[in-house]
C-alpha atoms as a PDB file:
ATOM      1  CA  MET A   1       5.311 -13.801  10.881  1.00  0.00           C
ATOM      2  CA  ARG A   2       8.116 -13.972   8.357  1.00  0.00           C
ATOM      3  CA  LEU A   3       8.053 -10.180   7.961  1.00  0.00           C
ATOM      4  CA  ALA A   4       8.576  -9.738  11.694  1.00  0.00           C
ATOM      5  CA  GLN A   5      11.456 -12.218  11.656  1.00  0.00           C
ATOM      6  CA  GLU A   6      13.280 -11.242   8.474  1.00  0.00           C
ATOM      7  CA  MET A   7      12.557  -7.562   7.873  1.00  0.00           C
ATOM      8  CA  LEU A   8      12.294  -6.331  11.454  1.00  0.00           C
ATOM      9  CA  GLY A   9      14.713  -8.816  12.997  1.00  0.00           C
ATOM     10  CA  ARG A  10      12.297  -9.551  15.837  1.00  0.00           C
ATOM     11  CA  ASP A  11      10.953 -12.766  17.337  1.00  0.00           C
ATOM     12  CA  PRO A  12       7.165 -13.027  16.762  1.00  0.00           C
ATOM     13  CA  PHE A  13       6.931 -15.355  19.807  1.00  0.00           C
ATOM     14  CA  SER A  14       8.430 -12.741  22.159  1.00  0.00           C
ATOM     15  CA  GLY A  15       5.097 -11.412  23.421  1.00  0.00           C
ATOM     16  CA  HIS A  16       5.373  -8.143  21.482  1.00  0.00           C
ATOM     17  CA  ILE A  17       2.522  -6.877  19.336  1.00  0.00           C
ATOM     18  CA  PHE A  18       3.447  -6.217  15.708  1.00  0.00           C
ATOM     19  CA  ALA A  19       1.321  -3.626  13.904  1.00  0.00           C
ATOM     20  CA  PHE A  20       1.299  -3.341  10.118  1.00  0.00           C
ATOM     21  CA  ARG A  21      -0.513  -0.546   8.277  1.00  0.00           C
ATOM     22  CA  CYS A  22      -1.205  -0.626   4.552  1.00  0.00           C
ATOM     23  CA  LYS A  23       0.144   2.154   2.331  1.00  0.00           C
ATOM     24  CA  ARG A  24      -3.252   3.833   1.941  1.00  0.00           C
ATOM     25  CA  GLY A  25      -3.657   3.763   5.715  1.00  0.00           C
ATOM     26  CA  HIS A  26      -7.197   2.361   5.832  1.00  0.00           C
ATOM     27  CA  LEU A  27      -6.167  -1.109   7.075  1.00  0.00           C
ATOM     28  CA  VAL A  28      -4.135  -2.109  10.122  1.00  0.00           C
ATOM     29  CA  LYS A  29      -3.185  -5.645  11.171  1.00  0.00           C
ATOM     30  CA  LEU A  30      -1.863  -6.709  14.562  1.00  0.00           C
ATOM     31  CA  LEU A  31       0.120  -9.915  14.979  1.00  0.00           C
ATOM     32  CA  PHE A  32       0.820 -11.291  18.446  1.00  0.00           C
ATOM     33  CA  TRP A  33       1.573 -14.520  20.288  1.00  0.00           C
ATOM     34  CA  ASP A  34      -1.006 -15.331  22.987  1.00  0.00           C
ATOM     35  CA  GLY A  35       1.035 -18.136  24.533  1.00  0.00           C
ATOM     36  CA  GLN A  36      -0.606 -20.879  22.471  1.00  0.00           C
ATOM     37  CA  SER A  37      -0.861 -19.552  18.925  1.00  0.00           C
ATOM     38  CA  LEU A  38      -0.230 -16.547  16.734  1.00  0.00           C
ATOM     39  CA  CYS A  39      -3.250 -14.257  16.548  1.00  0.00           C
ATOM     40  CA  LEU A  40      -4.041 -11.859  13.735  1.00  0.00           C
ATOM     41  CA  TYR A  41      -6.351  -8.914  14.341  1.00  0.00           C
ATOM     42  CA  ALA A  42      -7.360  -6.747  11.387  1.00  0.00           C
ATOM     43  CA  LYS A  43      -9.355  -3.521  11.304  1.00  0.00           C
ATOM     44  CA  ARG A  44     -10.408  -1.595   8.194  1.00  0.00           C
ATOM     45  CA  LEU A  45     -11.863   1.894   8.060  1.00  0.00           C
ATOM     46  CA  ASP A  46     -14.564   2.775   5.539  1.00  0.00           C
ATOM     47  CA  ARG A  47     -13.599   6.445   5.770  1.00  0.00           C
ATOM     48  CA  GLY A  48     -10.420   8.073   6.951  1.00  0.00           C
ATOM     49  CA  ARG A  49      -7.141   6.426   7.743  1.00  0.00           C
ATOM     50  CA  PHE A  50      -5.087   5.171  10.641  1.00  0.00           C
ATOM     51  CA  VAL A  51      -2.429   7.655  11.687  1.00  0.00           C
ATOM     52  CA  GLY A  52       0.599   6.180  13.365  1.00  0.00           C
ATOM     53  CA  PRO A  53       3.738   7.698  14.807  1.00  0.00           C
ATOM     54  CA  ALA A  54       6.396   8.965  12.411  1.00  0.00           C
ATOM     55  CA  THR A  55       9.014   6.327  11.650  1.00  0.00           C
ATOM     56  CA  GLN A  56      12.646   6.679  10.666  1.00  0.00           C
ATOM     57  CA  GLY A  57      12.968   3.074   9.503  1.00  0.00           C
ATOM     58  CA  ASP A  58      10.956  -0.107   9.316  1.00  0.00           C
ATOM     59  CA  ALA A  59      10.146  -0.397  13.022  1.00  0.00           C
ATOM     60  CA  VAL A  60       9.031   1.889  15.817  1.00  0.00           C
ATOM     61  CA  SER A  61       8.344   1.179  19.482  1.00  0.00           C
ATOM     62  CA  LEU A  62       5.005   2.334  20.877  1.00  0.00           C
ATOM     63  CA  THR A  63       4.078   3.356  24.391  1.00  0.00           C
ATOM     64  CA  PRO A  64       1.304   1.299  26.040  1.00  0.00           C
ATOM     65  CA  ALA A  65      -1.289   3.983  25.153  1.00  0.00           C
ATOM     66  CA  GLN A  66      -0.362   4.390  21.485  1.00  0.00           C
ATOM     67  CA  PRO A  67      -1.811   1.088  20.104  1.00  0.00           C
ATOM     68  CA  SER A  68      -5.276   1.917  21.432  1.00  0.00           C
ATOM     69  CA  MET A  69      -4.996   5.448  20.066  1.00  0.00           C
ATOM     70  CA  LEU A  70      -3.950   4.036  16.694  1.00  0.00           C
ATOM     71  CA  LEU A  71      -6.939   1.677  16.550  1.00  0.00           C
ATOM     72  CA  GLU A  72      -9.354   4.434  17.598  1.00  0.00           C
ATOM     73  CA  GLY A  73      -8.033   6.704  14.843  1.00  0.00           C
ATOM     74  CA  ILE A  74      -6.741   9.352  17.252  1.00  0.00           C
ATOM     75  CA  ASP A  75      -4.004  11.481  15.725  1.00  0.00           C
END
């Protein structure tokens, strides 16, 4: 939550989904506000890695289809 606020300059209670991928790319975490509490979803791959869109900075906006593609491991 603090990373979304301080590093990205975004409000974690805004209804947006924040996706964080580890450096090795085998772990992705999603942080989102469901209206009552902050929820954390984590997914780890035994083989392969999550491939996300290329970023120019710390944050990138995704289309509605891209989060599902990211979690399915579609490049």
